[in-house]
Amino acid sequence: MKSFSLITLCIFLVLNSFSQEEKKKIQQKKGFSFGALPTISYDADMGLQYGGLVNVFDYGDGTLYPDYRQMAKVEISRYTKGSGVNQIFYDAKHLLPYGIRVSADLSYLTERKLDFFGFNGYQSFYNKNFVDDESAEYLTRVFYAHERKLFRFTADFQGNLPVENLHWLAGFGFMNVKVATVDIAKLNKGKNAGDQLPDTATLFDKYVDWGLISDQEKDGGSANYLKAGLVYDTRDNEASATRGLWTEAFVEVVPSFLFNSEFSYTRLVFTHRQYFTLVKDKLSVAYRLGYQGLLGGDMPFFMYPLMKASYSPFTKTDGLGGARNLRGIMRNRAEGEGVAYGNVELRWKFLHTLVKKQNLDFSLHAFADAGMVVQDVKIDRSLISSEDQARYFDFSYKNDKLHPSAGLGLRIALNHNFILAVDYGFALKKQDGKGGAYINIGNLY
């Protein structure tokens, strides 16, 4: 009920802040548009988010609208389940000479309970009784979790090529990841004895003990990386496209010569998105297909869930599973060296309103998501006792299978760029959880 109450409250506040008179004309925007608001959202995996967000859009003389010349976002927020967000994001689309676009991100993200269900999807058996304190099999509510602190800096550049709508992509970045078991003592601080978490081993601890997570990677590490590729983009509007496509392919390299003494690897990322208008300004269909996989080298386990893209304004990019890829499925449910996924949405814009020269649009979305591990992490079963294999694994799955979900969503868009997204997804298999509600900023794709 908590999630539905929050959704109802957000919709009520927005609807009562604007006129309900529908107008057909779209207001042209120019100059700077500022927005400062509390970041009150909800994620089934991370809990209630609270904090602050400042967003600035520069529309120039208005000829680019609904596109912008540059934008900046600063966010400081916390989640009730222990996550923290500290981010500065900048994107300049039409500011630099020669049509070069630059996007930069500086973030420090903390997770007290980052979801960890093991490797290779359904090969890792999820037992809900282990986290149900009313079950006889109860271990601890944080059994499927570990702690993570992530510092991230990225800078990406795109430029035009002689072929229309085709762009080159280049970028570099630095990540420092610190991993640890869940700090149960800290989570128990101030709680009554009956509410405290049992001090017992988590699944992450067992993976370390079995040697499935090596001593070299169990505490985290750093990665300096380079990336290069191509982007083909014909969308009519980046934030809320109704026609066109966006296809990208790039290689991300973490080379040993770039001060990567701990790990060195190369992976390929491919994503295709396409948008179709069924009824002009009213009804459209959008779908996304994605893949990322290891081409060579030794990628540490803490890099598996980080989903990559040529451009992503989203702060949290973990998966597969969760708000940004498989809605309704538990976050990070399917982790492996390579994953593939797909999403499809039917989008119905049922109201356009113009209030005080601000464009406001309301849309309903029906969606289906699915994904799976397609490149397994090698598991040496000789390291694991037969009893533990039976309790924590399901090796009847020689390969992972699709993790499907479906659901409904609401979008409230201000000036076509700032979008409040409310989704509820249902997991279609019991091994993936029951479902989840999400309130975020921006379309999924």
Protein backbone atom coordinates (compact mmCIF):
# COMPACT_ATOMS: atom_id res chain seq x y z
CA MET A 1 0.00 0.00 0.00
CA LYS A 2 2.94 2.31 0.62
CA SER A 3 3.88 2.45 -3.05
CA PHE A 4 0.32 3.02 -4.26
CA SER A 5 -0.20 5.81 -1.72
CA LEU A 6 2.94 7.57 -2.92
CA ILE A 7 1.90 7.25 -6.56
CA THR A 8 -1.53 8.69 -5.76
CA LEU A 9 0.03 11.58 -3.83
CA CYS A 10 2.44 12.47 -6.67
CA ILE A 11 -0.33 12.45 -9.27
CA PHE A 12 -2.60 14.54 -7.03
CA LEU A 13 0.09 17.18 -6.40
CA VAL A 14 0.96 17.52 -10.07
CA LEU A 15 -2.64 17.68 -11.25
CA ASN A 16 -3.50 20.33 -8.71
CA SER A 17 -0.47 22.46 -9.57
CA PHE A 18 -1.56 23.06 -13.15
CA SER A 19 -4.68 24.11 -14.98
CA GLN A 20 -6.75 21.29 -16.45
CA GLU A 21 -7.76 23.25 -19.54
CA GLU A 22 -6.53 21.36 -22.63
CA LYS A 23 -4.84 23.42 -25.36
CA LYS A 24 -3.54 22.26 -28.72
CA LYS A 25 -0.76 24.77 -29.28
CA ILE A 26 2.78 23.90 -28.16
CA GLN A 27 4.58 26.80 -26.55
CA GLN A 28 8.04 27.51 -27.96
CA LYS A 29 10.67 27.75 -25.21
CA LYS A 30 13.83 29.84 -25.27
CA GLY A 31 16.47 31.02 -22.84
CA PHE A 32 17.10 29.23 -19.55
CA SER A 33 14.59 27.07 -17.71
CA PHE A 34 15.33 26.37 -14.05
CA GLY A 35 13.81 23.72 -11.85
CA ALA A 36 14.45 22.93 -8.19
CA LEU A 37 12.40 20.27 -6.51
CA PRO A 38 12.57 17.65 -3.80
CA THR A 39 13.55 14.22 -5.15
CA ILE A 40 10.70 12.24 -3.67
CA SER A 41 10.44 8.95 -5.52
CA TYR A 42 9.94 5.28 -4.84
CA ASP A 43 11.74 2.17 -6.00
CA ALA A 44 10.68 -1.31 -4.97
CA ASP A 45 14.33 -2.31 -4.62
CA MET A 46 15.71 0.78 -2.87
CA GLY A 47 12.75 2.23 -0.97
CA LEU A 48 11.57 5.83 -0.64
CA GLN A 49 13.93 8.46 -2.01
CA TYR A 50 14.21 11.90 -0.41
CA GLY A 51 16.53 14.80 -1.16
CA GLY A 52 16.93 17.64 -3.63
CA LEU A 53 17.42 18.10 -7.37
CA VAL A 54 18.32 21.18 -9.42
CA ASN A 55 17.88 21.01 -13.19
CA VAL A 56 18.80 23.74 -15.71
CA PHE A 57 17.97 23.71 -19.45
CA ASP A 58 19.35 26.20 -21.95
CA TYR A 59 17.04 26.43 -25.01
CA GLY A 60 18.96 29.25 -26.70
CA ASP A 61 16.84 31.31 -29.11
CA GLY A 62 14.14 28.63 -29.14
CA THR A 63 14.72 27.35 -32.68
CA LEU A 64 15.94 24.01 -31.34
CA TYR A 65 12.96 23.39 -29.03
CA PRO A 66 12.05 20.81 -27.77
CA ASP A 67 15.78 20.14 -28.06
CA TYR A 68 18.20 22.12 -25.88
CA ARG A 69 21.67 23.59 -26.24
CA GLN A 70 22.91 22.38 -22.87
CA MET A 71 21.63 21.13 -19.55
CA ALA A 72 22.95 20.47 -16.06
CA LYS A 73 21.64 18.46 -13.13
CA VAL A 74 22.77 18.37 -9.50
CA GLU A 75 21.24 15.80 -7.17
CA ILE A 76 21.78 14.91 -3.53
CA SER A 77 19.40 12.33 -2.15
CA ARG A 78 19.04 9.26 0.02
CA TYR A 79 16.91 6.11 0.01
CA THR A 80 15.29 4.57 3.07
CA LYS A 81 16.91 1.19 2.30
CA GLY A 82 20.39 2.71 2.61
CA SER A 83 21.38 4.01 -0.81
CA GLY A 84 22.83 7.49 -1.35
CA VAL A 85 23.11 9.64 -4.50
CA ASN A 86 25.52 12.53 -5.00
CA GLN A 87 25.68 13.49 -8.68
CA ILE A 88 26.60 16.31 -11.06
CA PHE A 89 25.60 15.65 -14.68
CA TYR A 90 26.21 17.93 -17.68
CA ASP A 91 25.21 17.59 -21.33
CA ALA A 92 25.99 20.07 -24.16
CA LYS A 93 24.31 19.12 -27.42
CA HIS A 94 24.58 22.31 -29.51
CA LEU A 95 27.20 24.43 -27.78
CA LEU A 96 30.62 23.27 -29.00
CA PRO A 97 31.93 23.85 -32.54
CA TYR A 98 31.82 21.22 -35.32
CA GLY A 99 28.66 19.73 -33.83
CA ILE A 100 30.53 17.93 -31.04
CA ARG A 101 28.39 16.83 -28.12
CA VAL A 102 29.91 16.36 -24.68
CA SER A 103 28.34 14.61 -21.68
CA ALA A 104 30.02 14.37 -18.30
CA ASP A 105 29.08 12.71 -15.03
CA LEU A 106 30.61 12.94 -11.56
CA SER A 107 28.93 10.71 -9.00
CA TYR A 108 29.42 9.12 -5.61
CA LEU A 109 26.84 6.39 -5.00
CA THR A 110 26.49 4.32 -1.86
CA GLU A 111 24.55 1.11 -1.27
CA ARG A 112 24.16 -0.50 2.12
CA LYS A 113 22.18 -3.39 0.61
CA LEU A 114 22.92 -3.84 -3.08
CA ASP A 115 20.98 -6.84 -4.38
CA PHE A 116 23.12 -9.90 -5.13
CA PHE A 117 21.44 -13.17 -6.20
CA GLY A 118 24.49 -14.95 -7.59
CA PHE A 119 25.61 -15.62 -11.15
CA ASN A 120 23.90 -16.85 -14.32
CA GLY A 121 20.28 -16.06 -13.55
CA TYR A 122 18.16 -19.11 -12.84
CA GLN A 123 21.25 -21.24 -12.15
CA SER A 124 21.28 -19.33 -8.85
CA PHE A 125 18.23 -20.48 -6.92
CA TYR A 126 16.27 -17.76 -5.12
CA ASN A 127 14.64 -18.94 -1.90
CA LYS A 128 12.27 -16.26 -0.62
CA ASN A 129 12.06 -18.03 2.76
CA PHE A 130 15.67 -17.09 3.50
CA VAL A 131 14.61 -13.41 3.77
CA ASP A 132 11.15 -13.98 5.32
CA ASP A 133 11.46 -13.54 9.08
CA GLU A 134 8.24 -15.53 9.58
CA SER A 135 9.61 -18.60 7.80
CA ALA A 136 11.29 -21.57 9.48
CA GLU A 137 14.08 -21.26 6.87
CA TYR A 138 14.74 -17.59 7.68
CA LEU A 139 18.41 -16.56 7.63
CA THR A 140 18.44 -12.75 7.40
CA ARG A 141 16.53 -10.11 5.44
CA VAL A 142 19.81 -9.03 3.80
CA PHE A 143 20.91 -12.52 2.75
CA TYR A 144 20.76 -11.54 -0.94
CA ALA A 145 22.80 -8.35 -0.64
CA HIS A 146 26.22 -6.80 -0.15
CA GLU A 147 27.55 -3.30 0.44
CA ARG A 148 28.96 -1.10 -2.34
CA LYS A 149 30.45 2.39 -2.64
CA LEU A 150 30.95 3.63 -6.19
CA PHE A 151 32.87 6.71 -7.30
CA ARG A 152 32.42 7.48 -11.01
CA PHE A 153 33.69 10.06 -13.48
CA THR A 154 32.85 9.79 -17.18
CA ALA A 155 33.25 12.06 -20.20
CA ASP A 156 31.74 11.11 -23.56
CA PHE A 157 31.95 12.89 -26.90
CA GLN A 158 29.94 12.52 -30.10
CA GLY A 159 30.57 14.14 -33.47
CA ASN A 160 29.10 14.12 -36.97
CA LEU A 161 30.23 11.86 -39.80
CA PRO A 162 29.68 12.36 -43.56
CA VAL A 163 26.68 10.00 -43.44
CA GLU A 164 23.56 11.86 -42.27
CA ASN A 165 22.50 11.03 -38.68
CA LEU A 166 25.62 8.88 -38.13
CA HIS A 167 27.95 9.98 -35.32
CA TRP A 168 31.28 8.84 -33.96
CA LEU A 169 31.51 8.15 -30.24
CA ALA A 170 34.54 8.37 -27.97
CA GLY A 171 34.90 8.57 -24.23
CA PHE A 172 36.88 7.80 -21.13
CA GLY A 173 36.11 7.24 -17.51
CA PHE A 174 37.28 6.23 -14.07
CA MET A 175 35.50 4.05 -11.54
CA ASN A 176 36.46 3.08 -8.04
CA VAL A 177 34.28 0.40 -6.46
CA LYS A 178 34.48 -0.66 -2.83
CA VAL A 179 32.65 -3.87 -1.94
CA ALA A 180 32.01 -5.46 1.45
CA THR A 181 29.59 -7.74 3.17
CA VAL A 182 26.51 -6.09 4.66
CA ASP A 183 27.31 -4.19 7.87
CA ILE A 184 24.66 -5.90 9.98
CA ALA A 185 25.83 -4.21 13.19
CA LYS A 186 25.25 -0.79 11.61
CA LEU A 187 21.81 -1.76 10.35
CA ASN A 188 20.87 -3.09 13.78
CA LYS A 189 21.90 0.10 15.57
CA GLY A 190 18.98 1.59 17.50
CA LYS A 191 16.61 -1.32 16.77
CA ASN A 192 14.77 -3.35 19.36
CA ALA A 193 16.15 -6.84 19.92
CA GLY A 194 13.15 -8.41 18.18
CA ASP A 195 13.70 -6.31 15.04
CA GLN A 196 17.43 -6.85 14.69
CA LEU A 197 18.94 -8.79 11.79
CA PRO A 198 20.63 -12.10 12.61
CA ASP A 199 24.41 -11.88 12.32
CA THR A 200 24.89 -14.62 9.77
CA ALA A 201 26.68 -15.19 6.47
CA THR A 202 25.12 -13.72 3.34
CA LEU A 203 25.16 -15.23 -0.15
CA PHE A 204 28.03 -12.85 -0.99
CA ASP A 205 30.04 -14.25 1.95
CA LYS A 206 29.42 -17.78 0.70
CA TYR A 207 30.56 -16.90 -2.84
CA VAL A 208 33.80 -15.57 -1.32
CA ASP A 209 34.24 -18.68 0.84
CA TRP A 210 33.62 -20.97 -2.15
CA GLY A 211 36.13 -19.04 -4.24
CA LEU A 212 33.54 -18.03 -6.86
CA ILE A 213 34.50 -14.44 -5.98
CA SER A 214 38.27 -14.26 -5.74
CA ASP A 215 40.30 -12.55 -3.03
CA GLN A 216 41.50 -10.11 -5.70
CA GLU A 217 37.98 -8.83 -6.41
CA LYS A 218 36.04 -9.37 -3.18
CA ASP A 219 36.92 -5.89 -1.85
CA GLY A 220 36.32 -4.12 -5.18
CA GLY A 221 38.83 -2.22 -7.27
CA SER A 222 39.38 0.51 -9.84
CA ALA A 223 38.96 0.69 -13.61
CA ASN A 224 40.20 3.31 -16.06
CA TYR A 225 38.49 2.76 -19.39
CA LEU A 226 38.26 4.03 -22.95
CA LYS A 227 35.38 3.55 -25.34
CA ALA A 228 34.78 4.10 -29.04
CA GLY A 229 31.94 3.34 -31.40
CA LEU A 230 29.15 4.60 -33.64
CA VAL A 231 25.69 6.06 -33.01
CA TYR A 232 22.89 6.38 -35.57
CA ASP A 233 20.09 8.68 -34.40
CA THR A 234 16.96 9.86 -36.26
CA ARG A 235 14.64 10.49 -33.28
CA ASP A 236 12.25 13.45 -33.43
CA ASN A 237 12.86 14.23 -29.73
CA GLU A 238 15.45 12.66 -27.48
CA ALA A 239 13.54 12.69 -24.19
CA SER A 240 10.14 11.56 -25.51
CA ALA A 241 10.53 10.31 -29.07
CA THR A 242 7.51 9.24 -31.14
CA ARG A 243 9.29 8.32 -34.37
CA GLY A 244 12.78 7.47 -35.57
CA LEU A 245 15.46 5.16 -34.25
CA TRP A 246 18.59 5.25 -32.15
CA THR A 247 21.17 2.51 -32.65
CA GLU A 248 24.58 2.40 -31.03
CA ALA A 249 27.51 0.02 -30.87
CA PHE A 250 30.75 0.59 -29.01
CA VAL A 251 33.66 -1.20 -27.45
CA GLU A 252 34.70 -0.47 -23.87
CA VAL A 253 38.34 -1.28 -23.07
CA VAL A 254 39.94 -1.44 -19.63
CA PRO A 255 43.58 -1.79 -20.76
CA SER A 256 46.51 -2.74 -18.56
CA PHE A 257 48.59 0.17 -19.91
CA LEU A 258 46.09 2.65 -18.44
CA PHE A 259 47.16 1.94 -14.85
CA ASN A 260 44.77 -1.03 -14.53
CA SER A 261 47.02 -3.32 -12.53
CA GLU A 262 44.20 -5.42 -11.05
CA PHE A 263 41.91 -6.19 -14.00
CA SER A 264 42.00 -5.82 -17.77
CA TYR A 265 39.15 -6.62 -20.16
CA THR A 266 37.19 -5.59 -23.25
CA ARG A 267 33.44 -5.72 -23.77
CA LEU A 268 30.98 -4.92 -26.53
CA VAL A 269 27.78 -2.92 -26.01
CA PHE A 270 24.99 -2.82 -28.60
CA THR A 271 21.58 -1.13 -28.23
CA HIS A 272 18.83 -0.54 -30.76
CA ARG A 273 15.73 1.60 -30.03
CA GLN A 274 12.94 2.36 -32.48
CA TYR A 275 9.81 4.50 -32.28
CA PHE A 276 6.62 4.37 -34.40
CA THR A 277 3.75 6.86 -34.50
CA LEU A 278 0.36 5.14 -34.75
CA VAL A 279 -1.83 8.23 -34.23
CA LYS A 280 -0.10 11.61 -34.55
CA ASP A 281 0.50 13.31 -31.19
CA LYS A 282 -1.54 10.60 -29.45
CA LEU A 283 -0.39 7.00 -29.81
CA SER A 284 3.04 5.46 -30.43
CA VAL A 285 4.99 2.23 -29.96
CA ALA A 286 8.61 2.05 -28.81
CA TYR A 287 10.92 -0.90 -28.36
CA ARG A 288 14.51 -1.48 -27.27
CA LEU A 289 16.90 -4.39 -27.81
CA GLY A 290 20.22 -4.54 -25.99
CA TYR A 291 23.30 -6.68 -25.51
CA GLN A 292 26.55 -6.33 -23.64
CA GLY A 293 29.15 -9.05 -23.39
CA LEU A 294 32.77 -9.81 -22.65
CA LEU A 295 35.08 -9.97 -25.68
CA GLY A 296 38.22 -10.85 -23.76
CA GLY A 297 40.14 -10.44 -20.55
CA ASP A 298 39.12 -10.85 -16.92
CA MET A 299 36.16 -8.74 -15.81
CA PRO A 300 35.58 -8.59 -12.03
CA PHE A 301 32.17 -9.56 -10.65
CA PHE A 302 31.37 -6.04 -9.41
CA MET A 303 31.30 -4.81 -13.03
CA TYR A 304 28.70 -7.37 -14.17
CA PRO A 305 25.60 -5.39 -13.13
CA LEU A 306 26.70 -2.01 -14.52
CA MET A 307 24.68 -1.46 -17.71
CA LYS A 308 26.48 0.76 -20.23
CA ALA A 309 25.26 3.17 -22.95
CA SER A 310 26.67 5.91 -25.16
CA TYR A 311 24.55 8.41 -23.24
CA SER A 312 22.61 7.87 -20.03
CA PRO A 313 21.24 10.62 -17.79
CA PHE A 314 20.19 8.00 -15.23
CA THR A 315 22.11 7.91 -11.98
CA LYS A 316 21.50 4.22 -11.25
CA THR A 317 22.35 1.81 -14.07
CA ASP A 318 22.35 -1.58 -12.35
CA GLY A 319 20.73 -4.65 -13.89
CA LEU A 320 19.43 -6.94 -15.26
CA GLY A 321 16.34 -6.48 -13.19
CA GLY A 322 14.87 -3.35 -11.66
CA ALA A 323 13.68 0.10 -12.61
CA ARG A 324 15.90 0.75 -15.65
CA ASN A 325 15.61 -2.50 -17.61
CA LEU A 326 13.33 -5.27 -16.31
CA ARG A 327 10.59 -3.57 -14.31
CA GLY A 328 8.96 -5.81 -11.72
CA ILE A 329 11.93 -8.19 -11.56
CA MET A 330 14.29 -7.97 -8.61
CA ARG A 331 17.27 -5.70 -9.21
CA ASN A 332 20.39 -7.54 -10.45
CA ARG A 333 18.49 -10.83 -10.63
CA ALA A 334 20.41 -11.93 -13.76
CA GLU A 335 24.17 -11.29 -13.60
CA GLY A 336 26.74 -12.71 -15.98
CA GLU A 337 29.59 -11.86 -18.32
CA GLY A 338 27.09 -11.19 -21.10
CA VAL A 339 23.39 -10.27 -21.05
CA ALA A 340 20.65 -9.54 -23.60
CA TYR A 341 17.33 -7.81 -23.01
CA GLY A 342 14.32 -6.26 -24.71
CA ASN A 343 11.50 -3.84 -23.89
CA VAL A 344 8.36 -2.80 -25.73
CA GLU A 345 5.91 -0.02 -24.78
CA LEU A 346 2.57 1.21 -26.10
CA ARG A 347 2.43 4.94 -25.28
CA TRP A 348 -0.86 6.89 -25.29
CA LYS A 349 -0.72 10.67 -24.76
CA PHE A 350 -4.20 11.43 -23.51
CA LEU A 351 -3.80 15.10 -22.54
CA HIS A 352 -1.74 18.11 -23.63
CA THR A 353 -2.08 21.28 -21.58
CA LEU A 354 -0.45 24.71 -21.77
CA VAL A 355 -0.23 26.55 -18.44
CA LYS A 356 1.68 29.79 -17.92
CA LYS A 357 3.63 29.12 -21.12
CA GLN A 358 4.68 25.69 -19.85
CA ASN A 359 3.91 22.58 -21.93
CA LEU A 360 2.43 19.74 -19.89
CA ASP A 361 1.65 16.27 -21.29
CA PHE A 362 0.07 13.20 -19.67
CA SER A 363 0.61 9.70 -21.08
CA LEU A 364 -0.23 6.12 -20.18
CA HIS A 365 2.20 3.31 -21.00
CA ALA A 366 1.66 -0.46 -21.23
CA PHE A 367 4.92 -2.40 -21.32
CA ALA A 368 6.58 -5.80 -21.45
CA ASP A 369 10.22 -6.45 -20.53
CA ALA A 370 12.45 -9.53 -20.76
CA GLY A 371 16.13 -10.38 -20.49
CA MET A 372 18.60 -13.16 -19.73
CA VAL A 373 22.24 -14.05 -19.22
CA VAL A 374 23.74 -15.17 -22.54
CA GLN A 375 27.39 -15.45 -21.47
CA ASP A 376 27.82 -17.44 -18.26
CA VAL A 377 30.28 -16.95 -15.46
CA LYS A 378 32.24 -20.19 -15.16
CA ILE A 379 31.36 -21.91 -11.88
CA ASP A 380 33.71 -24.62 -10.60
CA ARG A 381 31.21 -26.95 -8.92
CA SER A 382 34.03 -28.90 -7.24
CA LEU A 383 34.49 -25.93 -4.90
CA ILE A 384 30.93 -26.26 -3.58
CA SER A 385 29.63 -29.10 -1.40
CA SER A 386 26.75 -31.17 -2.77
CA GLU A 387 24.59 -29.89 0.10
CA ASP A 388 25.27 -26.24 -0.81
CA GLN A 389 24.74 -26.97 -4.50
CA ALA A 390 21.28 -28.34 -3.71
CA ARG A 391 20.43 -25.41 -1.43
CA TYR A 392 21.72 -22.41 -3.37
CA PHE A 393 21.87 -23.49 -7.03
CA ASP A 394 19.73 -25.04 -9.72
CA PHE A 395 22.08 -26.63 -12.22
CA SER A 396 19.17 -28.18 -14.09
CA TYR A 397 19.43 -24.88 -16.00
CA LYS A 398 22.41 -25.47 -18.28
CA ASN A 399 21.79 -21.93 -19.55
CA ASP A 400 19.71 -19.07 -18.28
CA LYS A 401 16.15 -18.56 -19.58
CA LEU A 402 14.14 -15.39 -20.20
CA HIS A 403 13.15 -13.32 -17.17
CA PRO A 404 9.85 -11.73 -18.29
CA SER A 405 7.72 -8.98 -16.75
CA ALA A 406 4.83 -6.71 -17.75
CA GLY A 407 3.08 -3.67 -16.36
CA LEU A 408 1.56 -0.22 -16.68
CA GLY A 409 2.93 3.30 -16.28
CA LEU A 410 2.04 6.98 -16.19
CA ARG A 411 4.17 9.82 -17.61
CA ILE A 412 3.83 13.52 -16.79
CA ALA A 413 6.11 15.58 -19.05
CA LEU A 414 6.97 19.25 -18.55
CA ASN A 415 8.26 20.98 -21.70
CA HIS A 416 8.92 17.57 -23.32
CA ASN A 417 12.19 17.09 -21.40
CA PHE A 418 11.43 16.83 -17.68
CA ILE A 419 9.39 13.64 -17.28
CA LEU A 420 7.92 12.14 -14.11
CA ALA A 421 7.67 8.38 -14.67
CA VAL A 422 5.47 6.10 -12.55
CA ASP A 423 5.57 2.36 -13.32
CA TYR A 424 4.31 -0.84 -11.75
CA GLY A 425 5.74 -4.06 -13.14
CA PHE A 426 4.78 -7.67 -12.44
CA ALA A 427 7.36 -10.46 -12.52
CA LEU A 428 5.92 -13.35 -14.54
CA LYS A 429 8.04 -16.05 -12.85
CA LYS A 430 8.21 -16.73 -9.12
CA GLN A 431 12.00 -16.96 -9.17
CA ASP A 432 12.14 -13.25 -10.10
CA GLY A 433 10.03 -11.92 -7.21
CA LYS A 434 6.47 -10.61 -7.16
CA GLY A 435 6.72 -7.17 -8.76
CA GLY A 436 7.53 -3.60 -7.90
CA ALA A 437 6.54 0.06 -8.10
CA TYR A 438 8.90 2.75 -9.37
CA ILE A 439 8.71 6.55 -9.46
CA ASN A 440 11.60 8.08 -11.38
CA ILE A 441 12.60 10.88 -13.74
CA GLY A 442 12.69 10.19 -17.49
CA ASN A 443 11.49 7.54 -19.91
CA LEU A 444 13.21 4.19 -19.78
CA TYR A 445 14.39 4.71 -23.38
